[in-house]
């Protein structure tokens, strides 16, 4: 009973604000961090030669981070609420990319389908994001022969990418603990 009462006294935050936070947090994180991410990826000790990740080519990385976090929303919000927040996010992203909402939703859905294919049978979105970075930035070309021939990431390299991607996953726990999300 006491747990129910504490939620009554939480500050309220609108779903629109959550959607704004989602977009702003991700864009800011990628804009400010991708040059450093590219240096880390290019100089990973598990690669035979320096990878060719251009510090100015963050588009694929940004979409991977957006799609992964988009998929993870249902871990933090209840059914129905996460659907409304997703639609608000799609509207905001469509405006940023200057496309219609249906096209933006298709881009995100296609990326999440891609995650499923490249990470099968695992359903771990975090790991799928890491694999997507490995593939999108052609890191296989710079691996040791054994892993390059297998066309699979060196497990240590993949773990390093996992650690990078962990920094780009929004942890909504703090918000949902302190605030009550309203529509």
N, C-alpha and C. Protein backbone atom coordinates (compact mmCIF):
# COMPACT_ATOMS: atom_id res chain seq x y z
N UNK A 1 0.82 -1.19 0.00
CA UNK A 1 0.00 0.00 0.00
C UNK A 1 0.86 1.25 0.00
N UNK A 2 1.93 1.28 0.75
CA UNK A 2 2.79 2.46 0.81
C UNK A 2 3.43 2.73 -0.55
N UNK A 3 3.76 1.67 -1.30
CA UNK A 3 4.35 1.87 -2.61
C UNK A 3 3.41 2.62 -3.55
N UNK A 4 2.16 2.34 -3.48
CA UNK A 4 1.18 3.03 -4.31
C UNK A 4 1.07 4.49 -3.94
N UNK A 5 1.19 4.82 -2.65
CA UNK A 5 1.09 6.20 -2.21
C UNK A 5 2.29 7.04 -2.66
N UNK A 6 3.46 6.44 -2.68
CA UNK A 6 4.64 7.22 -3.09
C UNK A 6 4.53 7.68 -4.53
N UNK A 7 3.90 6.89 -5.38
CA UNK A 7 3.76 7.32 -6.77
C UNK A 7 2.81 8.49 -6.90
N UNK A 8 1.90 8.66 -5.95
CA UNK A 8 0.99 9.80 -5.98
C UNK A 8 1.72 11.11 -5.73
N UNK A 9 2.82 11.07 -5.00
CA UNK A 9 3.54 12.28 -4.63
C UNK A 9 4.76 12.57 -5.49
N UNK A 10 4.96 11.77 -6.52
CA UNK A 10 6.05 12.03 -7.44
C UNK A 10 5.70 13.24 -8.29
N UNK A 11 6.73 13.96 -8.69
CA UNK A 11 6.52 15.05 -9.63
C UNK A 11 6.07 14.46 -10.96
N UNK A 12 5.28 15.21 -11.69
CA UNK A 12 4.79 14.74 -12.98
C UNK A 12 5.67 15.26 -14.10
N UNK A 13 5.81 14.44 -15.11
CA UNK A 13 6.49 14.86 -16.34
C UNK A 13 5.67 14.29 -17.50
N UNK A 14 5.43 15.12 -18.48
CA UNK A 14 4.60 14.72 -19.62
C UNK A 14 5.35 13.80 -20.57
N UNK A 15 4.61 12.94 -21.24
CA UNK A 15 5.19 12.04 -22.24
C UNK A 15 5.92 12.83 -23.32
N UNK A 16 5.41 14.01 -23.66
CA UNK A 16 6.06 14.87 -24.65
C UNK A 16 7.48 15.23 -24.19
N UNK A 17 7.63 15.51 -22.92
CA UNK A 17 8.94 15.85 -22.36
C UNK A 17 9.88 14.65 -22.43
N UNK A 18 9.35 13.46 -22.18
CA UNK A 18 10.15 12.24 -22.28
C UNK A 18 10.65 12.06 -23.72
N UNK A 19 9.77 12.29 -24.68
CA UNK A 19 10.17 12.18 -26.09
C UNK A 19 11.25 13.21 -26.43
N UNK A 20 11.08 14.43 -25.94
CA UNK A 20 12.10 15.47 -26.16
C UNK A 20 13.43 15.06 -25.54
N UNK A 21 13.38 14.53 -24.32
CA UNK A 21 14.61 14.08 -23.64
C UNK A 21 15.30 12.99 -24.45
N UNK A 22 14.53 12.02 -24.92
CA UNK A 22 15.06 10.92 -25.72
C UNK A 22 15.88 11.47 -26.88
N UNK A 23 15.26 12.33 -27.68
CA UNK A 23 15.92 12.86 -28.87
C UNK A 23 17.12 13.72 -28.49
N UNK A 24 16.93 14.61 -27.55
CA UNK A 24 18.02 15.53 -27.18
C UNK A 24 19.20 14.81 -26.55
N UNK A 25 18.94 13.86 -25.67
CA UNK A 25 20.03 13.11 -25.01
C UNK A 25 20.86 12.36 -26.05
N UNK A 26 20.19 11.67 -26.95
CA UNK A 26 20.92 10.85 -27.92
C UNK A 26 21.69 11.72 -28.91
N UNK A 27 21.03 12.74 -29.46
CA UNK A 27 21.74 13.59 -30.42
C UNK A 27 22.94 14.27 -29.76
N UNK A 28 22.76 14.76 -28.56
CA UNK A 28 23.86 15.42 -27.86
C UNK A 28 25.00 14.44 -27.57
N UNK A 29 24.66 13.26 -27.08
CA UNK A 29 25.69 12.26 -26.75
C UNK A 29 26.49 11.86 -27.99
N UNK A 30 25.81 11.60 -29.08
CA UNK A 30 26.52 11.18 -30.30
C UNK A 30 27.31 12.34 -30.89
N UNK A 31 26.71 13.52 -30.94
CA UNK A 31 27.43 14.69 -31.49
C UNK A 31 28.72 14.98 -30.74
N UNK A 32 28.67 14.89 -29.42
CA UNK A 32 29.85 15.24 -28.63
C UNK A 32 30.85 14.10 -28.49
N UNK A 33 30.40 12.86 -28.67
CA UNK A 33 31.27 11.71 -28.38
C UNK A 33 31.76 10.93 -29.58
N UNK A 34 31.11 11.07 -30.73
CA UNK A 34 31.49 10.20 -31.85
C UNK A 34 32.93 10.37 -32.30
N UNK A 35 33.49 11.59 -32.33
CA UNK A 35 34.91 11.66 -32.70
C UNK A 35 35.80 10.78 -31.80
N UNK A 36 35.51 10.77 -30.51
CA UNK A 36 36.26 9.92 -29.59
C UNK A 36 35.97 8.44 -29.84
N UNK A 37 34.72 8.11 -30.11
CA UNK A 37 34.35 6.72 -30.42
C UNK A 37 35.12 6.25 -31.65
N UNK A 38 35.21 7.10 -32.68
CA UNK A 38 35.92 6.69 -33.89
C UNK A 38 37.40 6.42 -33.60
N UNK A 39 38.01 7.23 -32.75
CA UNK A 39 39.41 7.01 -32.37
C UNK A 39 39.55 5.67 -31.64
N UNK A 40 38.64 5.39 -30.73
CA UNK A 40 38.69 4.13 -29.97
C UNK A 40 38.53 2.94 -30.91
N UNK A 41 37.57 3.03 -31.82
CA UNK A 41 37.34 1.93 -32.77
C UNK A 41 38.55 1.78 -33.71
N UNK A 42 39.05 2.88 -34.21
CA UNK A 42 40.17 2.83 -35.15
C UNK A 42 41.43 2.23 -34.53
N UNK A 43 41.61 2.44 -33.25
CA UNK A 43 42.86 2.03 -32.59
C UNK A 43 42.70 0.84 -31.66
N UNK A 44 41.64 0.09 -31.80
CA UNK A 44 41.44 -1.07 -30.95
C UNK A 44 42.60 -2.05 -31.14
N UNK A 45 43.16 -2.51 -30.04
CA UNK A 45 44.33 -3.38 -30.09
C UNK A 45 44.03 -4.74 -30.72
N UNK A 46 42.78 -5.08 -30.87
CA UNK A 46 42.42 -6.36 -31.46
C UNK A 46 42.35 -6.31 -32.98
N UNK A 47 42.61 -5.16 -33.56
CA UNK A 47 42.64 -5.01 -35.01
C UNK A 47 44.08 -5.04 -35.49
N UNK A 48 44.31 -5.63 -36.66
CA UNK A 48 45.67 -5.71 -37.21
C UNK A 48 46.17 -4.36 -37.70
N UNK A 49 45.25 -3.56 -38.23
CA UNK A 49 45.62 -2.23 -38.69
C UNK A 49 44.50 -1.26 -38.29
N UNK A 50 44.82 0.00 -38.38
CA UNK A 50 43.84 1.01 -37.97
C UNK A 50 42.60 0.93 -38.85
N UNK A 51 41.45 0.85 -38.21
CA UNK A 51 40.19 0.85 -38.95
C UNK A 51 40.01 2.23 -39.58
N UNK A 52 39.08 2.34 -40.48
CA UNK A 52 38.89 3.59 -41.22
C UNK A 52 37.58 4.27 -40.85
N UNK A 53 37.27 4.33 -39.56
CA UNK A 53 36.04 4.98 -39.12
C UNK A 53 36.28 6.49 -39.13
N UNK A 54 35.56 7.15 -40.01
CA UNK A 54 35.69 8.60 -40.17
C UNK A 54 34.99 9.31 -39.01
N UNK A 55 35.70 10.16 -38.28
CA UNK A 55 35.10 10.85 -37.13
C UNK A 55 33.96 11.79 -37.52
N UNK A 56 33.84 12.08 -38.80
CA UNK A 56 32.76 12.94 -39.27
C UNK A 56 31.59 12.15 -39.83
N UNK A 57 31.68 10.83 -39.82
CA UNK A 57 30.62 9.98 -40.38
C UNK A 57 29.88 9.25 -39.26
N UNK A 58 29.11 10.02 -38.52
CA UNK A 58 28.41 9.45 -37.38
C UNK A 58 26.98 9.03 -37.71
N UNK A 59 26.54 9.18 -38.94
CA UNK A 59 25.15 8.92 -39.29
C UNK A 59 24.68 7.51 -38.94
N UNK A 60 25.47 6.50 -39.36
CA UNK A 60 25.08 5.12 -39.05
C UNK A 60 25.08 4.88 -37.54
N UNK A 61 26.08 5.41 -36.87
CA UNK A 61 26.17 5.24 -35.42
C UNK A 61 24.95 5.87 -34.74
N UNK A 62 24.59 7.08 -35.15
CA UNK A 62 23.43 7.76 -34.58
C UNK A 62 22.16 6.94 -34.78
N UNK A 63 21.97 6.41 -35.97
CA UNK A 63 20.76 5.60 -36.23
C UNK A 63 20.77 4.32 -35.40
N UNK A 64 21.93 3.70 -35.23
CA UNK A 64 22.02 2.50 -34.39
C UNK A 64 21.64 2.83 -32.95
N UNK A 65 22.16 3.93 -32.43
CA UNK A 65 21.85 4.34 -31.06
C UNK A 65 20.37 4.69 -30.92
N UNK A 66 19.82 5.40 -31.89
CA UNK A 66 18.39 5.76 -31.85
C UNK A 66 17.52 4.50 -31.86
N UNK A 67 17.79 3.60 -32.81
CA UNK A 67 16.96 2.40 -32.94
C UNK A 67 17.07 1.50 -31.71
N UNK A 68 18.27 1.34 -31.18
CA UNK A 68 18.44 0.50 -30.00
C UNK A 68 17.71 1.05 -28.80
N UNK A 69 17.85 2.34 -28.55
CA UNK A 69 17.14 2.96 -27.43
C UNK A 69 15.64 2.96 -27.65
N UNK A 70 15.22 3.12 -28.87
CA UNK A 70 13.80 3.08 -29.22
C UNK A 70 13.22 1.72 -28.83
N UNK A 71 13.96 0.66 -29.16
CA UNK A 71 13.51 -0.69 -28.83
C UNK A 71 13.49 -0.93 -27.32
N UNK A 72 14.41 -0.33 -26.60
CA UNK A 72 14.52 -0.55 -25.15
C UNK A 72 13.48 0.20 -24.33
N UNK A 73 12.69 1.06 -24.95
CA UNK A 73 11.70 1.83 -24.18
C UNK A 73 10.74 0.94 -23.38
N UNK A 74 10.40 -0.21 -23.92
CA UNK A 74 9.43 -1.06 -23.21
C UNK A 74 10.00 -1.67 -21.93
N UNK A 75 11.32 -1.53 -21.71
CA UNK A 75 11.91 -1.98 -20.46
C UNK A 75 11.64 -1.00 -19.32
N UNK A 76 11.22 0.22 -19.65
CA UNK A 76 11.09 1.26 -18.63
C UNK A 76 9.68 1.83 -18.49
N UNK A 77 8.85 1.66 -19.50
CA UNK A 77 7.52 2.25 -19.46
C UNK A 77 6.48 1.16 -19.67
N UNK A 78 5.30 1.37 -19.12
CA UNK A 78 4.28 0.33 -19.24
C UNK A 78 3.64 0.35 -20.62
N UNK A 79 3.03 -0.79 -20.97
CA UNK A 79 2.42 -0.94 -22.28
C UNK A 79 1.36 0.13 -22.50
N UNK A 80 1.34 0.67 -23.64
CA UNK A 80 0.43 1.78 -23.94
C UNK A 80 1.18 3.09 -23.80
N UNK A 81 1.78 3.28 -22.65
CA UNK A 81 2.56 4.50 -22.42
C UNK A 81 3.79 4.51 -23.34
N UNK A 82 4.48 3.38 -23.42
CA UNK A 82 5.65 3.34 -24.29
C UNK A 82 5.24 3.49 -25.75
N UNK A 83 4.06 3.03 -26.12
CA UNK A 83 3.58 3.22 -27.50
C UNK A 83 3.38 4.71 -27.79
N UNK A 84 2.78 5.43 -26.85
CA UNK A 84 2.55 6.87 -27.05
C UNK A 84 3.88 7.62 -27.09
N UNK A 85 4.80 7.25 -26.21
CA UNK A 85 6.12 7.90 -26.20
C UNK A 85 6.85 7.61 -27.51
N UNK A 86 6.74 6.38 -28.01
CA UNK A 86 7.38 6.03 -29.28
C UNK A 86 6.84 6.90 -30.42
N UNK A 87 5.53 7.07 -30.45
CA UNK A 87 4.94 7.88 -31.52
C UNK A 87 5.40 9.33 -31.44
N UNK A 88 5.52 9.84 -30.23
CA UNK A 88 6.02 11.22 -30.06
C UNK A 88 7.48 11.32 -30.50
N UNK A 89 8.27 10.30 -30.20
CA UNK A 89 9.67 10.28 -30.62
C UNK A 89 9.75 10.24 -32.15
N UNK A 90 8.93 9.41 -32.75
CA UNK A 90 8.92 9.31 -34.22
C UNK A 90 8.60 10.67 -34.84
N UNK A 91 7.63 11.37 -34.28
CA UNK A 91 7.28 12.70 -34.79
C UNK A 91 8.47 13.65 -34.71
N UNK A 92 9.16 13.63 -33.58
CA UNK A 92 10.31 14.52 -33.40
C UNK A 92 11.46 14.16 -34.34
N UNK A 93 11.72 12.87 -34.48
CA UNK A 93 12.78 12.44 -35.38
C UNK A 93 12.44 12.73 -36.84
N UNK A 94 11.18 12.54 -37.21
CA UNK A 94 10.74 12.85 -38.57
C UNK A 94 10.98 14.32 -38.88
N UNK A 95 10.72 15.18 -37.92
CA UNK A 95 10.96 16.61 -38.12
C UNK A 95 12.45 16.89 -38.29
N UNK A 96 13.29 16.25 -37.49
CA UNK A 96 14.74 16.45 -37.58
C UNK A 96 15.25 15.99 -38.94
N UNK A 97 14.80 14.82 -39.38
CA UNK A 97 15.27 14.26 -40.65
C UNK A 97 14.49 14.77 -41.86
N UNK A 98 13.48 15.59 -41.59
CA UNK A 98 12.65 16.18 -42.64
C UNK A 98 12.01 15.13 -43.54
N UNK A 99 11.44 14.12 -42.88
CA UNK A 99 10.67 13.10 -43.59
C UNK A 99 9.35 12.92 -42.84
N UNK A 100 8.43 12.17 -43.43
CA UNK A 100 7.16 11.95 -42.75
C UNK A 100 7.33 10.88 -41.66
N UNK A 101 6.38 10.88 -40.73
CA UNK A 101 6.44 9.96 -39.58
C UNK A 101 6.44 8.49 -39.99
N UNK A 102 5.68 8.16 -41.02
CA UNK A 102 5.62 6.77 -41.47
C UNK A 102 6.99 6.31 -41.95
N UNK A 103 7.67 7.16 -42.71
CA UNK A 103 9.01 6.81 -43.20
C UNK A 103 10.00 6.68 -42.05
N UNK A 104 9.89 7.58 -41.07
CA UNK A 104 10.80 7.52 -39.92
C UNK A 104 10.57 6.24 -39.13
N UNK A 105 9.32 5.89 -38.93
CA UNK A 105 8.99 4.66 -38.20
C UNK A 105 9.54 3.45 -38.96
N UNK A 106 9.45 3.49 -40.28
CA UNK A 106 9.96 2.40 -41.11
C UNK A 106 11.47 2.26 -40.95
N UNK A 107 12.18 3.38 -40.92
CA UNK A 107 13.64 3.35 -40.73
C UNK A 107 13.98 2.66 -39.41
N UNK A 108 13.30 3.06 -38.34
CA UNK A 108 13.57 2.47 -37.01
C UNK A 108 13.18 1.00 -36.97
N UNK A 109 12.03 0.66 -37.53
CA UNK A 109 11.59 -0.74 -37.55
C UNK A 109 12.55 -1.60 -38.37
N UNK A 110 13.01 -1.06 -39.51
CA UNK A 110 13.96 -1.82 -40.34
C UNK A 110 15.28 -2.05 -39.62
N UNK A 111 15.73 -1.05 -38.88
CA UNK A 111 16.97 -1.23 -38.11
C UNK A 111 16.79 -2.27 -37.02
N UNK A 112 15.64 -2.27 -36.37
CA UNK A 112 15.41 -3.28 -35.33
C UNK A 112 15.27 -4.67 -35.93
N UNK A 113 14.72 -4.79 -37.14
CA UNK A 113 14.70 -6.08 -37.83
C UNK A 113 16.12 -6.52 -38.17
N UNK A 114 16.92 -5.57 -38.61
CA UNK A 114 18.34 -5.82 -38.89
C UNK A 114 19.04 -6.33 -37.64
N UNK A 115 18.77 -5.69 -36.50
CA UNK A 115 19.34 -6.14 -35.23
C UNK A 115 19.00 -7.61 -34.99
N UNK A 116 17.75 -7.96 -35.23
CA UNK A 116 17.32 -9.34 -35.01
C UNK A 116 18.06 -10.32 -35.89
N UNK A 117 18.28 -9.94 -37.16
CA UNK A 117 18.98 -10.83 -38.10
C UNK A 117 20.46 -10.99 -37.74
N UNK A 118 21.13 -9.90 -37.43
CA UNK A 118 22.58 -9.99 -37.20
C UNK A 118 22.94 -10.55 -35.83
N UNK A 119 21.97 -10.61 -34.94
CA UNK A 119 22.26 -11.06 -33.58
C UNK A 119 21.49 -12.34 -33.23
N UNK A 120 20.91 -12.98 -34.24
CA UNK A 120 20.14 -14.20 -34.02
C UNK A 120 21.05 -15.28 -33.45
N UNK A 121 20.63 -16.03 -32.46
CA UNK A 121 19.31 -16.13 -31.85
C UNK A 121 19.12 -15.21 -30.64
N UNK A 122 20.17 -14.48 -30.27
CA UNK A 122 20.04 -13.60 -29.11
C UNK A 122 19.04 -12.49 -29.38
N UNK A 123 18.35 -12.07 -28.34
CA UNK A 123 17.41 -10.96 -28.45
C UNK A 123 17.92 -9.75 -27.65
N UNK A 124 19.19 -9.77 -27.28
CA UNK A 124 19.78 -8.70 -26.50
C UNK A 124 20.07 -7.49 -27.40
N UNK A 125 19.32 -6.42 -27.20
CA UNK A 125 19.44 -5.23 -28.04
C UNK A 125 20.81 -4.58 -27.92
N UNK A 126 21.35 -4.54 -26.72
CA UNK A 126 22.67 -3.95 -26.50
C UNK A 126 23.71 -4.64 -27.39
N UNK A 127 23.72 -5.97 -27.39
CA UNK A 127 24.67 -6.72 -28.20
C UNK A 127 24.40 -6.54 -29.68
N UNK A 128 23.14 -6.42 -30.05
CA UNK A 128 22.80 -6.19 -31.46
C UNK A 128 23.33 -4.84 -31.92
N UNK A 129 23.26 -3.85 -31.06
CA UNK A 129 23.81 -2.53 -31.40
C UNK A 129 25.32 -2.64 -31.65
N UNK A 130 26.01 -3.40 -30.83
CA UNK A 130 27.45 -3.59 -30.99
C UNK A 130 27.78 -4.29 -32.30
N UNK A 131 27.04 -5.34 -32.61
CA UNK A 131 27.25 -6.05 -33.86
C UNK A 131 26.98 -5.14 -35.06
N UNK A 132 25.95 -4.30 -34.94
CA UNK A 132 25.63 -3.37 -36.02
C UNK A 132 26.78 -2.39 -36.26
N UNK A 133 27.38 -1.89 -35.19
CA UNK A 133 28.55 -1.01 -35.34
C UNK A 133 29.68 -1.76 -36.03
N UNK A 134 29.94 -2.99 -35.61
CA UNK A 134 30.98 -3.81 -36.22
C UNK A 134 30.76 -3.93 -37.73
N UNK A 135 29.51 -4.21 -38.11
CA UNK A 135 29.20 -4.42 -39.53
C UNK A 135 29.14 -3.11 -40.32
N UNK A 136 28.48 -2.12 -39.79
CA UNK A 136 28.31 -0.84 -40.51
C UNK A 136 29.63 -0.13 -40.77
N UNK A 137 30.58 -0.31 -39.87
CA UNK A 137 31.87 0.35 -40.04
C UNK A 137 32.94 -0.61 -40.57
N UNK A 138 32.50 -1.75 -41.11
CA UNK A 138 33.38 -2.71 -41.79
C UNK A 138 34.62 -3.07 -40.99
N UNK A 139 34.44 -3.28 -39.71
CA UNK A 139 35.59 -3.61 -38.85
C UNK A 139 36.15 -4.99 -39.14
N UNK A 140 35.37 -5.85 -39.80
CA UNK A 140 35.85 -7.18 -40.16
C UNK A 140 37.12 -7.10 -41.02
N UNK A 141 37.19 -6.09 -41.87
CA UNK A 141 38.33 -5.93 -42.78
C UNK A 141 39.65 -5.73 -42.05
N UNK A 142 39.61 -5.35 -40.80
CA UNK A 142 40.82 -4.99 -40.06
C UNK A 142 41.17 -6.00 -38.98
N UNK A 143 40.43 -7.12 -38.95
CA UNK A 143 40.66 -8.14 -37.92
C UNK A 143 41.77 -9.11 -38.31
N UNK A 144 42.15 -9.92 -37.35
CA UNK A 144 43.08 -11.02 -37.60
C UNK A 144 42.42 -11.96 -38.61
N UNK A 145 43.27 -12.65 -39.39
CA UNK A 145 42.79 -13.51 -40.47
C UNK A 145 41.72 -14.50 -40.02
N UNK A 146 41.94 -15.11 -38.86
CA UNK A 146 41.02 -16.14 -38.38
C UNK A 146 39.59 -15.59 -38.29
N UNK A 147 39.41 -14.46 -37.63
CA UNK A 147 38.07 -13.90 -37.47
C UNK A 147 37.56 -13.26 -38.76
N UNK A 148 38.46 -12.70 -39.55
CA UNK A 148 38.05 -12.09 -40.82
C UNK A 148 37.47 -13.16 -41.75
N UNK A 149 38.13 -14.31 -41.81
CA UNK A 149 37.64 -15.41 -42.67
C UNK A 149 36.30 -15.94 -42.16
N UNK A 150 36.13 -15.95 -40.86
CA UNK A 150 34.85 -16.38 -40.27
C UNK A 150 33.74 -15.34 -40.49
N UNK A 151 34.16 -14.11 -40.79
CA UNK A 151 33.24 -12.96 -40.90
C UNK A 151 32.46 -12.77 -39.61
N UNK A 152 33.19 -12.94 -38.51
CA UNK A 152 32.62 -12.79 -37.17
C UNK A 152 33.56 -11.93 -36.35
N UNK A 153 32.99 -11.13 -35.47
CA UNK A 153 33.86 -10.28 -34.65
C UNK A 153 34.67 -11.08 -33.63
N UNK A 154 35.91 -10.69 -33.46
CA UNK A 154 36.73 -11.20 -32.38
C UNK A 154 35.96 -10.93 -31.10
N UNK A 155 35.75 -11.92 -30.24
CA UNK A 155 34.95 -11.70 -29.02
C UNK A 155 35.47 -10.56 -28.14
N UNK A 156 36.77 -10.37 -28.11
CA UNK A 156 37.32 -9.29 -27.29
C UNK A 156 37.01 -7.94 -27.93
N UNK A 157 37.11 -7.87 -29.25
CA UNK A 157 36.72 -6.64 -29.96
C UNK A 157 35.25 -6.33 -29.72
N UNK A 158 34.41 -7.36 -29.82
CA UNK A 158 32.98 -7.15 -29.61
C UNK A 158 32.69 -6.69 -28.18
N UNK A 159 33.42 -7.24 -27.22
CA UNK A 159 33.25 -6.80 -25.83
C UNK A 159 33.64 -5.33 -25.69
N UNK A 160 34.69 -4.92 -26.38
CA UNK A 160 35.09 -3.51 -26.34
C UNK A 160 34.01 -2.61 -26.94
N UNK A 161 33.41 -3.06 -28.03
CA UNK A 161 32.33 -2.29 -28.64
C UNK A 161 31.12 -2.27 -27.70
N UNK A 162 30.84 -3.39 -27.03
CA UNK A 162 29.75 -3.43 -26.04
C UNK A 162 29.94 -2.35 -24.97
N UNK A 163 31.17 -2.19 -24.52
CA UNK A 163 31.46 -1.19 -23.49
C UNK A 163 31.21 0.23 -24.02
N UNK A 164 31.54 0.45 -25.26
CA UNK A 164 31.25 1.75 -25.87
C UNK A 164 29.75 1.96 -25.94
N UNK A 165 29.04 0.97 -26.44
CA UNK A 165 27.60 1.11 -26.66
C UNK A 165 26.85 1.30 -25.34
N UNK A 166 27.36 0.72 -24.27
CA UNK A 166 26.74 0.87 -22.95
C UNK A 166 26.61 2.35 -22.58
N UNK A 167 27.55 3.15 -23.04
CA UNK A 167 27.52 4.58 -22.72
C UNK A 167 26.42 5.33 -23.48
N UNK A 168 25.83 4.69 -24.49
CA UNK A 168 24.83 5.34 -25.32
C UNK A 168 23.42 4.77 -25.10
N UNK A 169 23.28 3.94 -24.09
CA UNK A 169 21.96 3.41 -23.75
C UNK A 169 21.39 4.26 -22.62
N UNK A 170 20.23 4.84 -22.89
CA UNK A 170 19.60 5.71 -21.90
C UNK A 170 19.09 4.85 -20.75
N UNK A 171 19.43 5.25 -19.55
CA UNK A 171 18.93 4.58 -18.34
C UNK A 171 17.79 5.43 -17.79
N UNK A 172 16.59 4.98 -18.01
CA UNK A 172 15.42 5.75 -17.61
C UNK A 172 15.05 5.52 -16.15
N UNK A 173 15.77 4.64 -15.45
CA UNK A 173 15.44 4.30 -14.07
C UNK A 173 15.29 5.54 -13.18
N UNK A 174 16.25 6.45 -13.29
CA UNK A 174 16.23 7.64 -12.44
C UNK A 174 14.98 8.46 -12.69
N UNK A 175 14.65 8.67 -13.95
CA UNK A 175 13.46 9.44 -14.29
C UNK A 175 12.20 8.77 -13.78
N UNK A 176 12.07 7.47 -14.03
CA UNK A 176 10.84 6.78 -13.63
C UNK A 176 10.73 6.59 -12.12
N UNK A 177 11.87 6.62 -11.41
CA UNK A 177 11.82 6.54 -9.95
C UNK A 177 11.38 7.86 -9.33
N UNK A 178 11.79 8.98 -9.94
CA UNK A 178 11.51 10.30 -9.37
C UNK A 178 10.25 10.94 -9.92
N UNK A 179 9.85 10.56 -11.10
CA UNK A 179 8.74 11.23 -11.78
C UNK A 179 7.66 10.26 -12.18
N UNK A 180 6.45 10.76 -12.23
CA UNK A 180 5.32 10.01 -12.74
C UNK A 180 5.07 10.54 -14.14
N UNK A 181 5.12 9.67 -15.13
CA UNK A 181 4.94 10.07 -16.51
C UNK A 181 3.43 10.20 -16.77
N UNK A 182 3.05 11.35 -17.31
CA UNK A 182 1.63 11.59 -17.60
C UNK A 182 1.45 11.85 -19.08
N UNK A 183 0.23 11.61 -19.56
CA UNK A 183 -0.03 11.88 -20.97
C UNK A 183 -0.57 13.27 -21.19
